[in-house]
Amino acid sequence: MAKLSEKQVRYVAGLSRLTLTKAEVKNFQTELSQIIDHFSELNEVEVDNVEPMSHPTGLTDVLADDEPNPTSSLTSNKALNATNKIHNNYFVVPQLIDKED
């Protein structure tokens, strides 16, 4: 089992901008060492004759044609009828960005 040193754990914590107590360092020494051991086990798997794949199930996306549907589309008149805050056929909304920015 690979055992990470306290210095290595503190280095990784520093990269993450974490401050760890002594107890947390000890805990992460064990946990991170176990994770590294797990990945070491994966290196022992024989994969020389395994074909690369992009998707394990072989499923493909079914996409619908992107065509307008006039029966379910909302006309601008119907949309604008839902509010009384209209100016030049546009919705009036609160200003979000200052003009100075």
PDB file of N, CA and C in Angstrom:
ATOM      1  N   MET A   1       0.847  -1.179   0.000  1.00  0.00           N
ATOM      2  CA  MET A   1       0.000   0.000   0.000  1.00  0.00           C
ATOM      3  C   MET A   1       0.894   1.244   0.000  1.00  0.00           C
ATOM      4  N   ALA A   2       0.641   2.131  -0.941  1.00  0.00           N
ATOM      5  CA  ALA A   2       1.368   3.398  -1.003  1.00  0.00           C
ATOM      6  C   ALA A   2       0.862   4.290   0.122  1.00  0.00           C
ATOM      7  N   LYS A   3       1.785   4.838   0.866  1.00  0.00           N
ATOM      8  CA  LYS A   3       1.392   5.708   1.966  1.00  0.00           C
ATOM      9  C   LYS A   3       1.895   7.116   1.669  1.00  0.00           C
ATOM     10  N   LEU A   4       0.954   8.036   1.539  1.00  0.00           N
ATOM     11  CA  LEU A   4       1.332   9.422   1.301  1.00  0.00           C
ATOM     12  C   LEU A   4       1.907  10.027   2.573  1.00  0.00           C
ATOM     13  N   SER A   5       2.877  10.873   2.403  1.00  0.00           N
ATOM     14  CA  SER A   5       3.464  11.543   3.562  1.00  0.00           C
ATOM     15  C   SER A   5       2.589  12.732   3.970  1.00  0.00           C
ATOM     16  N   GLU A   6       2.816  13.211   5.173  1.00  0.00           N
ATOM     17  CA  GLU A   6       2.087  14.397   5.651  1.00  0.00           C
ATOM     18  C   GLU A   6       2.383  15.586   4.739  1.00  0.00           C
ATOM     19  N   LYS A   7       3.624  15.690   4.284  1.00  0.00           N
ATOM     20  CA  LYS A   7       4.017  16.785   3.404  1.00  0.00           C
ATOM     21  C   LYS A   7       3.238  16.727   2.075  1.00  0.00           C
ATOM     22  N   GLN A   8       3.054  15.527   1.527  1.00  0.00           N
ATOM     23  CA  GLN A   8       2.311  15.375   0.278  1.00  0.00           C
ATOM     24  C   GLN A   8       0.841  15.758   0.456  1.00  0.00           C
ATOM     25  N   VAL A   9       0.249  15.354   1.563  1.00  0.00           N
ATOM     26  CA  VAL A   9      -1.152  15.688   1.828  1.00  0.00           C
ATOM     27  C   VAL A   9      -1.309  17.191   1.992  1.00  0.00           C
ATOM     28  N   ARG A  10      -0.406  17.814   2.715  1.00  0.00           N
ATOM     29  CA  ARG A  10      -0.469  19.268   2.898  1.00  0.00           C
ATOM     30  C   ARG A  10      -0.252  19.999   1.572  1.00  0.00           C
ATOM     31  N   TYR A  11       0.576  19.444   0.696  1.00  0.00           N
ATOM     32  CA  TYR A  11       0.804  20.046  -0.622  1.00  0.00           C
ATOM     33  C   TYR A  11      -0.494  20.021  -1.449  1.00  0.00           C
ATOM     34  N   VAL A  12      -1.165  18.868  -1.469  1.00  0.00           N
ATOM     35  CA  VAL A  12      -2.429  18.749  -2.203  1.00  0.00           C
ATOM     36  C   VAL A  12      -3.477  19.669  -1.597  1.00  0.00           C
ATOM     37  N   ALA A  13      -3.521  19.743  -0.284  1.00  0.00           N
ATOM     38  CA  ALA A  13      -4.469  20.636   0.391  1.00  0.00           C
ATOM     39  C   ALA A  13      -4.178  22.083   0.021  1.00  0.00           C
ATOM     40  N   GLY A  14      -2.902  22.432  -0.079  1.00  0.00           N
ATOM     41  CA  GLY A  14      -2.526  23.789  -0.460  1.00  0.00           C
ATOM     42  C   GLY A  14      -2.972  24.123  -1.873  1.00  0.00           C
ATOM     43  N   LEU A  15      -2.873  23.153  -2.779  1.00  0.00           N
ATOM     44  CA  LEU A  15      -3.354  23.371  -4.143  1.00  0.00           C
ATOM     45  C   LEU A  15      -4.848  23.667  -4.160  1.00  0.00           C
ATOM     46  N   SER A  16      -5.558  23.068  -3.220  1.00  0.00           N
ATOM     47  CA  SER A  16      -7.009  23.260  -3.118  1.00  0.00           C
ATOM     48  C   SER A  16      -7.368  24.413  -2.194  1.00  0.00           C
ATOM     49  N   ARG A  17      -6.356  25.090  -1.662  1.00  0.00           N
ATOM     50  CA  ARG A  17      -6.542  26.192  -0.729  1.00  0.00           C
ATOM     51  C   ARG A  17      -7.325  25.758   0.511  1.00  0.00           C
ATOM     52  N   LEU A  18      -6.957  24.564   1.008  1.00  0.00           N
ATOM     53  CA  LEU A  18      -7.581  24.033   2.225  1.00  0.00           C
ATOM     54  C   LEU A  18      -6.584  24.089   3.372  1.00  0.00           C
ATOM     55  N   THR A  19      -7.059  24.423   4.527  1.00  0.00           N
ATOM     56  CA  THR A  19      -6.258  24.372   5.736  1.00  0.00           C
ATOM     57  C   THR A  19      -6.727  23.155   6.530  1.00  0.00           C
ATOM     58  N   LEU A  20      -5.819  22.222   6.809  1.00  0.00           N
ATOM     59  CA  LEU A  20      -6.189  20.983   7.476  1.00  0.00           C
ATOM     60  C   LEU A  20      -5.599  20.924   8.879  1.00  0.00           C
ATOM     61  N   THR A  21      -6.354  20.327   9.784  1.00  0.00           N
ATOM     62  CA  THR A  21      -5.837  20.051  11.120  1.00  0.00           C
ATOM     63  C   THR A  21      -4.960  18.809  11.052  1.00  0.00           C
ATOM     64  N   LYS A  22      -4.215  18.532  12.133  1.00  0.00           N
ATOM     65  CA  LYS A  22      -3.371  17.326  12.164  1.00  0.00           C
ATOM     66  C   LYS A  22      -4.222  16.064  11.980  1.00  0.00           C
ATOM     67  N   ALA A  23      -5.396  16.046  12.615  1.00  0.00           N
ATOM     68  CA  ALA A  23      -6.284  14.877  12.506  1.00  0.00           C
ATOM     69  C   ALA A  23      -6.770  14.698  11.067  1.00  0.00           C
ATOM     70  N   GLU A  24      -7.093  15.795  10.415  1.00  0.00           N
ATOM     71  CA  GLU A  24      -7.541  15.713   9.022  1.00  0.00           C
ATOM     72  C   GLU A  24      -6.416  15.241   8.114  1.00  0.00           C
ATOM     73  N   VAL A  25      -5.197  15.706   8.376  1.00  0.00           N
ATOM     74  CA  VAL A  25      -4.056  15.255   7.576  1.00  0.00           C
ATOM     75  C   VAL A  25      -3.887  13.751   7.709  1.00  0.00           C
ATOM     76  N   LYS A  26      -3.940  13.231   8.933  1.00  0.00           N
ATOM     77  CA  LYS A  26      -3.822  11.781   9.160  1.00  0.00           C
ATOM     78  C   LYS A  26      -4.929  11.028   8.429  1.00  0.00           C
ATOM     79  N   ASN A  27      -6.164  11.551   8.515  1.00  0.00           N
ATOM     80  CA  ASN A  27      -7.298  10.909   7.858  1.00  0.00           C
ATOM     81  C   ASN A  27      -7.096  10.891   6.339  1.00  0.00           C
ATOM     82  N   PHE A  28      -6.679  12.030   5.775  1.00  0.00           N
ATOM     83  CA  PHE A  28      -6.482  12.104   4.326  1.00  0.00           C
ATOM     84  C   PHE A  28      -5.279  11.287   3.873  1.00  0.00           C
ATOM     85  N   GLN A  29      -4.284  11.116   4.739  1.00  0.00           N
ATOM     86  CA  GLN A  29      -3.168  10.245   4.382  1.00  0.00           C
ATOM     87  C   GLN A  29      -3.693   8.850   4.066  1.00  0.00           C
ATOM     88  N   THR A  30      -4.562   8.352   4.913  1.00  0.00           N
ATOM     89  CA  THR A  30      -5.133   7.016   4.716  1.00  0.00           C
ATOM     90  C   THR A  30      -6.054   6.978   3.507  1.00  0.00           C
ATOM     91  N   GLU A  31      -6.987   7.932   3.440  1.00  0.00           N
ATOM     92  CA  GLU A  31      -7.985   7.915   2.368  1.00  0.00           C
ATOM     93  C   GLU A  31      -7.359   8.117   0.987  1.00  0.00           C
ATOM     94  N   LEU A  32      -6.471   9.089   0.871  1.00  0.00           N
ATOM     95  CA  LEU A  32      -5.843   9.338  -0.432  1.00  0.00           C
ATOM     96  C   LEU A  32      -4.923   8.188  -0.828  1.00  0.00           C
ATOM     97  N   SER A  33      -4.283   7.564   0.135  1.00  0.00           N
ATOM     98  CA  SER A  33      -3.440   6.400  -0.156  1.00  0.00           C
ATOM     99  C   SER A  33      -4.282   5.255  -0.698  1.00  0.00           C
ATOM    100  N   GLN A  34      -5.468   5.040  -0.127  1.00  0.00           N
ATOM    101  CA  GLN A  34      -6.365   3.994  -0.616  1.00  0.00           C
ATOM    102  C   GLN A  34      -6.821   4.288  -2.046  1.00  0.00           C
ATOM    103  N   ILE A  35      -7.091   5.539  -2.350  1.00  0.00           N
ATOM    104  CA  ILE A  35      -7.510   5.913  -3.707  1.00  0.00           C
ATOM    105  C   ILE A  35      -6.386   5.641  -4.697  1.00  0.00           C
ATOM    106  N   ILE A  36      -5.158   6.014  -4.333  1.00  0.00           N
ATOM    107  CA  ILE A  36      -4.015   5.768  -5.218  1.00  0.00           C
ATOM    108  C   ILE A  36      -3.819   4.268  -5.415  1.00  0.00           C
ATOM    109  N   ASP A  37      -3.989   3.473  -4.360  1.00  0.00           N
ATOM    110  CA  ASP A  37      -3.878   2.020  -4.478  1.00  0.00           C
ATOM    111  C   ASP A  37      -4.927   1.465  -5.426  1.00  0.00           C
ATOM    112  N   HIS A  38      -6.130   2.009  -5.364  1.00  0.00           N
ATOM    113  CA  HIS A  38      -7.190   1.548  -6.263  1.00  0.00           C
ATOM    114  C   HIS A  38      -6.798   1.782  -7.718  1.00  0.00           C
ATOM    115  N   PHE A  39      -6.250   2.953  -8.026  1.00  0.00           N
ATOM    116  CA  PHE A  39      -5.832   3.231  -9.392  1.00  0.00           C
ATOM    117  C   PHE A  39      -4.651   2.356  -9.792  1.00  0.00           C
ATOM    118  N   SER A  40      -3.806   1.993  -8.842  1.00  0.00           N
ATOM    119  CA  SER A  40      -2.706   1.081  -9.137  1.00  0.00           C
ATOM    120  C   SER A  40      -3.232  -0.284  -9.555  1.00  0.00           C
ATOM    121  N   GLU A  41      -4.331  -0.727  -8.922  1.00  0.00           N
ATOM    122  CA  GLU A  41      -4.956  -1.996  -9.299  1.00  0.00           C
ATOM    123  C   GLU A  41      -5.456  -1.947 -10.740  1.00  0.00           C
ATOM    124  N   LEU A  42      -5.948  -0.794 -11.177  1.00  0.00           N
ATOM    125  CA  LEU A  42      -6.435  -0.671 -12.548  1.00  0.00           C
ATOM    126  C   LEU A  42      -5.309  -0.850 -13.563  1.00  0.00           C
ATOM    127  N   ASN A  43      -4.082  -0.515 -13.182  1.00  0.00           N
ATOM    128  CA  ASN A  43      -2.941  -0.706 -14.081  1.00  0.00           C
ATOM    129  C   ASN A  43      -2.651  -2.173 -14.338  1.00  0.00           C
ATOM    130  N   GLU A  44      -3.150  -3.069 -13.483  1.00  0.00           N
ATOM    131  CA  GLU A  44      -2.917  -4.499 -13.637  1.00  0.00           C
ATOM    132  C   GLU A  44      -3.915  -5.161 -14.586  1.00  0.00           C
ATOM    133  N   VAL A  45      -4.945  -4.454 -15.006  1.00  0.00           N
ATOM    134  CA  VAL A  45      -5.961  -5.021 -15.885  1.00  0.00           C
ATOM    135  C   VAL A  45      -5.394  -5.136 -17.295  1.00  0.00           C
ATOM    136  N   GLU A  46      -5.600  -6.299 -17.916  1.00  0.00           N
ATOM    137  CA  GLU A  46      -5.127  -6.549 -19.275  1.00  0.00           C
ATOM    138  C   GLU A  46      -6.080  -5.894 -20.271  1.00  0.00           C
ATOM    139  N   VAL A  47      -5.594  -4.909 -21.012  1.00  0.00           N
ATOM    140  CA  VAL A  47      -6.439  -4.176 -21.960  1.00  0.00           C
ATOM    141  C   VAL A  47      -5.826  -4.104 -23.356  1.00  0.00           C
ATOM    142  N   ASP A  48      -4.787  -4.904 -23.614  1.00  0.00           N
ATOM    143  CA  ASP A  48      -4.108  -4.835 -24.909  1.00  0.00           C
ATOM    144  C   ASP A  48      -5.028  -5.139 -26.087  1.00  0.00           C
ATOM    145  N   ASN A  49      -5.934  -6.095 -25.945  1.00  0.00           N
ATOM    146  CA  ASN A  49      -6.796  -6.506 -27.061  1.00  0.00           C
ATOM    147  C   ASN A  49      -8.223  -5.975 -26.938  1.00  0.00           C
ATOM    148  N   VAL A  50      -8.400  -4.900 -26.186  1.00  0.00           N
ATOM    149  CA  VAL A  50      -9.735  -4.324 -25.993  1.00  0.00           C
ATOM    150  C   VAL A  50      -9.888  -3.151 -26.957  1.00  0.00           C
ATOM    151  N   GLU A  51     -10.961  -3.200 -27.743  1.00  0.00           N
ATOM    152  CA  GLU A  51     -11.250  -2.120 -28.699  1.00  0.00           C
ATOM    153  C   GLU A  51     -11.705  -0.871 -27.953  1.00  0.00           C
ATOM    154  N   PRO A  52     -11.195   0.293 -28.320  1.00  0.00           N
ATOM    155  CA  PRO A  52     -11.697   1.527 -27.703  1.00  0.00           C
ATOM    156  C   PRO A  52     -13.162   1.743 -28.064  1.00  0.00           C
ATOM    157  N   MET A  53     -13.911   2.337 -27.155  1.00  0.00           N
ATOM    158  CA  MET A  53     -15.321   2.615 -27.428  1.00  0.00           C
ATOM    159  C   MET A  53     -15.678   4.003 -26.912  1.00  0.00           C
ATOM    160  N   SER A  54     -16.671   4.596 -27.547  1.00  0.00           N
ATOM    161  CA  SER A  54     -17.110   5.914 -27.112  1.00  0.00           C
ATOM    162  C   SER A  54     -18.335   5.826 -26.216  1.00  0.00           C
ATOM    163  N   HIS A  55     -19.057   4.693 -26.297  1.00  0.00           N
ATOM    164  CA  HIS A  55     -20.274   4.547 -25.502  1.00  0.00           C
ATOM    165  C   HIS A  55     -20.468   3.063 -25.212  1.00  0.00           C
ATOM    166  N   PRO A  56     -20.631   2.659 -23.953  1.00  0.00           N
ATOM    167  CA  PRO A  56     -20.678   1.239 -23.630  1.00  0.00           C
ATOM    168  C   PRO A  56     -21.960   0.518 -24.044  1.00  0.00           C
ATOM    169  N   THR A  57     -23.064   1.228 -24.270  1.00  0.00           N
ATOM    170  CA  THR A  57     -24.321   0.540 -24.552  1.00  0.00           C
ATOM    171  C   THR A  57     -24.642   0.435 -26.030  1.00  0.00           C
ATOM    172  N   GLY A  58     -23.982   1.237 -26.870  1.00  0.00           N
ATOM    173  CA  GLY A  58     -24.278   1.206 -28.290  1.00  0.00           C
ATOM    174  C   GLY A  58     -25.523   1.992 -28.669  1.00  0.00           C
ATOM    175  N   LEU A  59     -26.141   2.680 -27.711  1.00  0.00           N
ATOM    176  CA  LEU A  59     -27.325   3.473 -28.011  1.00  0.00           C
ATOM    177  C   LEU A  59     -26.929   4.721 -28.797  1.00  0.00           C
ATOM    178  N   THR A  60     -27.841   5.203 -29.619  1.00  0.00           N
ATOM    179  CA  THR A  60     -27.600   6.439 -30.356  1.00  0.00           C
ATOM    180  C   THR A  60     -28.727   7.416 -30.063  1.00  0.00           C
ATOM    181  N   ASP A  61     -28.431   8.689 -30.224  1.00  0.00           N
ATOM    182  CA  ASP A  61     -29.444   9.724 -30.006  1.00  0.00           C
ATOM    183  C   ASP A  61     -30.461   9.696 -31.134  1.00  0.00           C
ATOM    184  N   VAL A  62     -31.711   9.901 -30.800  1.00  0.00           N
ATOM    185  CA  VAL A  62     -32.765  10.031 -31.787  1.00  0.00           C
ATOM    186  C   VAL A  62     -33.190  11.486 -31.769  1.00  0.00           C
ATOM    187  N   LEU A  63     -32.931  12.182 -32.847  1.00  0.00           N
ATOM    188  CA  LEU A  63     -33.218  13.603 -32.911  1.00  0.00           C
ATOM    189  C   LEU A  63     -34.382  13.864 -33.859  1.00  0.00           C
ATOM    190  N   ALA A  64     -35.261  14.754 -33.470  1.00  0.00           N
ATOM    191  CA  ALA A  64     -36.382  15.139 -34.320  1.00  0.00           C
ATOM    192  C   ALA A  64     -35.941  16.294 -35.217  1.00  0.00           C
ATOM    193  N   ASP A  65     -36.553  16.375 -36.388  1.00  0.00           N
ATOM    194  CA  ASP A  65     -36.272  17.494 -37.280  1.00  0.00           C
ATOM    195  C   ASP A  65     -36.738  18.782 -36.621  1.00  0.00           C
ATOM    196  N   ASP A  66     -35.948  19.817 -36.782  1.00  0.00           N
ATOM    197  CA  ASP A  66     -36.265  21.107 -36.192  1.00  0.00           C
ATOM    198  C   ASP A  66     -37.071  21.927 -37.193  1.00  0.00           C
ATOM    199  N   GLU A  67     -38.373  21.703 -37.162  1.00  0.00           N
ATOM    200  CA  GLU A  67     -39.264  22.400 -38.084  1.00  0.00           C
ATOM    201  C   GLU A  67     -40.297  23.192 -37.283  1.00  0.00           C
ATOM    202  N   PRO A  68     -40.643  24.392 -37.757  1.00  0.00           N
ATOM    203  CA  PRO A  68     -41.652  25.185 -37.037  1.00  0.00           C
ATOM    204  C   PRO A  68     -43.016  24.513 -37.068  1.00  0.00           C
ATOM    205  N   ASN A  69     -43.750  24.669 -35.974  1.00  0.00           N
ATOM    206  CA  ASN A  69     -45.089  24.116 -35.882  1.00  0.00           C
ATOM    207  C   ASN A  69     -46.047  25.275 -35.631  1.00  0.00           C
ATOM    208  N   PRO A  70     -46.705  25.756 -36.683  1.00  0.00           N
ATOM    209  CA  PRO A  70     -47.562  26.940 -36.535  1.00  0.00           C
ATOM    210  C   PRO A  70     -48.736  26.738 -35.576  1.00  0.00           C
ATOM    211  N   THR A  71     -49.171  25.511 -35.377  1.00  0.00           N
ATOM    212  CA  THR A  71     -50.322  25.293 -34.503  1.00  0.00           C
ATOM    213  C   THR A  71     -49.955  25.436 -33.030  1.00  0.00           C
ATOM    214  N   SER A  72     -48.693  25.170 -32.682  1.00  0.00           N
ATOM    215  CA  SER A  72     -48.322  25.292 -31.279  1.00  0.00           C
ATOM    216  C   SER A  72     -47.415  26.496 -31.015  1.00  0.00           C
ATOM    217  N   SER A  73     -47.122  27.265 -32.045  1.00  0.00           N
ATOM    218  CA  SER A  73     -46.277  28.449 -31.869  1.00  0.00           C
ATOM    219  C   SER A  73     -47.084  29.595 -31.286  1.00  0.00           C
ATOM    220  N   LEU A  74     -46.411  30.438 -30.523  1.00  0.00           N
ATOM    221  CA  LEU A  74     -47.037  31.597 -29.907  1.00  0.00           C
ATOM    222  C   LEU A  74     -46.757  32.812 -30.785  1.00  0.00           C
ATOM    223  N   THR A  75     -47.810  33.462 -31.229  1.00  0.00           N
ATOM    224  CA  THR A  75     -47.616  34.656 -32.051  1.00  0.00           C
ATOM    225  C   THR A  75     -47.196  35.817 -31.161  1.00  0.00           C
ATOM    226  N   SER A  76     -46.595  36.834 -31.758  1.00  0.00           N
ATOM    227  CA  SER A  76     -46.165  37.985 -30.968  1.00  0.00           C
ATOM    228  C   SER A  76     -47.373  38.699 -30.357  1.00  0.00           C
ATOM    229  N   ASN A  77     -48.497  38.750 -31.076  1.00  0.00           N
ATOM    230  CA  ASN A  77     -49.697  39.390 -30.518  1.00  0.00           C
ATOM    231  C   ASN A  77     -50.194  38.660 -29.274  1.00  0.00           C
ATOM    232  N   LYS A  78     -50.212  37.326 -29.328  1.00  0.00           N
ATOM    233  CA  LYS A  78     -50.653  36.560 -28.160  1.00  0.00           C
ATOM    234  C   LYS A  78     -49.699  36.761 -26.986  1.00  0.00           C
ATOM    235  N   ALA A  79     -48.411  36.797 -27.277  1.00  0.00           N
ATOM    236  CA  ALA A  79     -47.429  36.987 -26.212  1.00  0.00           C
ATOM    237  C   ALA A  79     -47.565  38.362 -25.593  1.00  0.00           C
ATOM    238  N   LEU A  80     -47.705  39.385 -26.400  1.00  0.00           N
ATOM    239  CA  LEU A  80     -47.791  40.754 -25.901  1.00  0.00           C
ATOM    240  C   LEU A  80     -49.111  41.030 -25.198  1.00  0.00           C
ATOM    241  N   ASN A  81     -50.146  40.257 -25.497  1.00  0.00           N
ATOM    242  CA  ASN A  81     -51.434  40.418 -24.814  1.00  0.00           C
ATOM    243  C   ASN A  81     -51.353  39.993 -23.346  1.00  0.00           C
ATOM    244  N   ALA A  82     -50.293  39.292 -22.982  1.00  0.00           N
ATOM    245  CA  ALA A  82     -50.161  38.801 -21.614  1.00  0.00           C
ATOM    246  C   ALA A  82     -49.639  39.874 -20.664  1.00  0.00           C
ATOM    247  N   THR A  83     -49.285  41.054 -21.180  1.00  0.00           N
ATOM    248  CA  THR A  83     -48.760  42.113 -20.322  1.00  0.00           C
ATOM    249  C   THR A  83     -49.237  43.471 -20.799  1.00  0.00           C
ATOM    250  N   ASN A  84     -49.185  44.441 -19.910  1.00  0.00           N
ATOM    251  CA  ASN A  84     -49.513  45.807 -20.323  1.00  0.00           C
ATOM    252  C   ASN A  84     -48.247  46.656 -20.421  1.00  0.00           C
ATOM    253  N   LYS A  85     -47.080  46.049 -20.195  1.00  0.00           N
ATOM    254  CA  LYS A  85     -45.807  46.761 -20.282  1.00  0.00           C
ATOM    255  C   LYS A  85     -45.180  46.498 -21.649  1.00  0.00           C
ATOM    256  N   ILE A  86     -45.623  47.297 -22.624  1.00  0.00           N
ATOM    257  CA  ILE A  86     -45.180  47.124 -24.011  1.00  0.00           C
ATOM    258  C   ILE A  86     -44.706  48.480 -24.534  1.00  0.00           C
ATOM    259  N   HIS A  87     -43.628  48.444 -25.324  1.00  0.00           N
ATOM    260  CA  HIS A  87     -43.140  49.648 -25.993  1.00  0.00           C
ATOM    261  C   HIS A  87     -42.634  49.240 -27.370  1.00  0.00           C
ATOM    262  N   ASN A  88     -43.230  49.798 -28.425  1.00  0.00           N
ATOM    263  CA  ASN A  88     -42.852  49.496 -29.814  1.00  0.00           C
ATOM    264  C   ASN A  88     -42.848  47.993 -30.104  1.00  0.00           C
ATOM    265  N   ASN A  89     -43.890  47.298 -29.650  1.00  0.00           N
ATOM    266  CA  ASN A  89     -44.056  45.856 -29.850  1.00  0.00           C
ATOM    267  C   ASN A  89     -42.971  45.007 -29.183  1.00  0.00           C
ATOM    268  N   TYR A  90     -42.407  45.493 -28.083  1.00  0.00           N
ATOM    269  CA  TYR A  90     -41.443  44.738 -27.284  1.00  0.00           C
ATOM    270  C   TYR A  90     -41.891  44.762 -25.832  1.00  0.00           C
ATOM    271  N   PHE A  91     -41.506  43.724 -25.073  1.00  0.00           N
ATOM    272  CA  PHE A  91     -41.758  43.720 -23.648  1.00  0.00           C
ATOM    273  C   PHE A  91     -40.880  44.774 -22.985  1.00  0.00           C
ATOM    274  N   VAL A  92     -41.415  45.466 -21.982  1.00  0.00           N
ATOM    275  CA  VAL A  92     -40.630  46.396 -21.179  1.00  0.00           C
ATOM    276  C   VAL A  92     -40.205  45.637 -19.924  1.00  0.00           C
ATOM    277  N   VAL A  93     -38.897  45.604 -19.673  1.00  0.00           N
ATOM    278  CA  VAL A  93     -38.356  44.884 -18.524  1.00  0.00           C
ATOM    279  C   VAL A  93     -37.465  45.819 -17.719  1.00  0.00           C
ATOM    280  N   PRO A  94     -37.215  45.502 -16.444  1.00  0.00           N
ATOM    281  CA  PRO A  94     -36.340  46.356 -15.640  1.00  0.00           C
ATOM    282  C   PRO A  94     -34.904  46.337 -16.182  1.00  0.00           C
ATOM    283  N   GLN A  95     -34.226  47.464 -16.065  1.00  0.00           N
ATOM    284  CA  GLN A  95     -32.844  47.559 -16.511  1.00  0.00           C
ATOM    285  C   GLN A  95     -31.951  46.768 -15.572  1.00  0.00           C
ATOM    286  N   LEU A  96     -31.082  45.932 -16.130  1.00  0.00           N
ATOM    287  CA  LEU A  96     -30.212  45.104 -15.310  1.00  0.00           C
ATOM    288  C   LEU A  96     -28.774  45.599 -15.285  1.00  0.00           C
ATOM    289  N   ILE A  97     -28.340  46.260 -16.339  1.00  0.00           N
ATOM    290  CA  ILE A  97     -26.958  46.702 -16.455  1.00  0.00           C
ATOM    291  C   ILE A  97     -26.943  48.218 -16.549  1.00  0.00           C
ATOM    292  N   ASP A  98     -26.060  48.837 -15.764  1.00  0.00           N
ATOM    293  CA  ASP A  98     -25.915  50.280 -15.829  1.00  0.00           C
ATOM    294  C   ASP A  98     -25.311  50.686 -17.178  1.00  0.00           C
ATOM    295  N   LYS A  99     -25.730  51.810 -17.691  1.00  0.00           N
ATOM    296  CA  LYS A  99     -25.197  52.280 -18.961  1.00  0.00           C
ATOM    297  C   LYS A  99     -23.721  52.632 -18.860  1.00  0.00           C
ATOM    298  N   GLU A 100     -23.248  52.938 -17.645  1.00  0.00           N
ATOM    299  CA  GLU A 100     -21.851  53.302 -17.444  1.00  0.00           C
ATOM    300  C   GLU A 100     -20.930  52.091 -17.595  1.00  0.00           C
ATOM    301  N   ASP A 101     -21.457  50.878 -17.356  1.00  0.00           N
ATOM    302  CA  ASP A 101     -20.637  49.660 -17.453  1.00  0.00           C
ATOM    303  C   ASP A 101     -20.493  49.319 -18.873  1.00  0.00           C
TER     304      ASP A 101
END
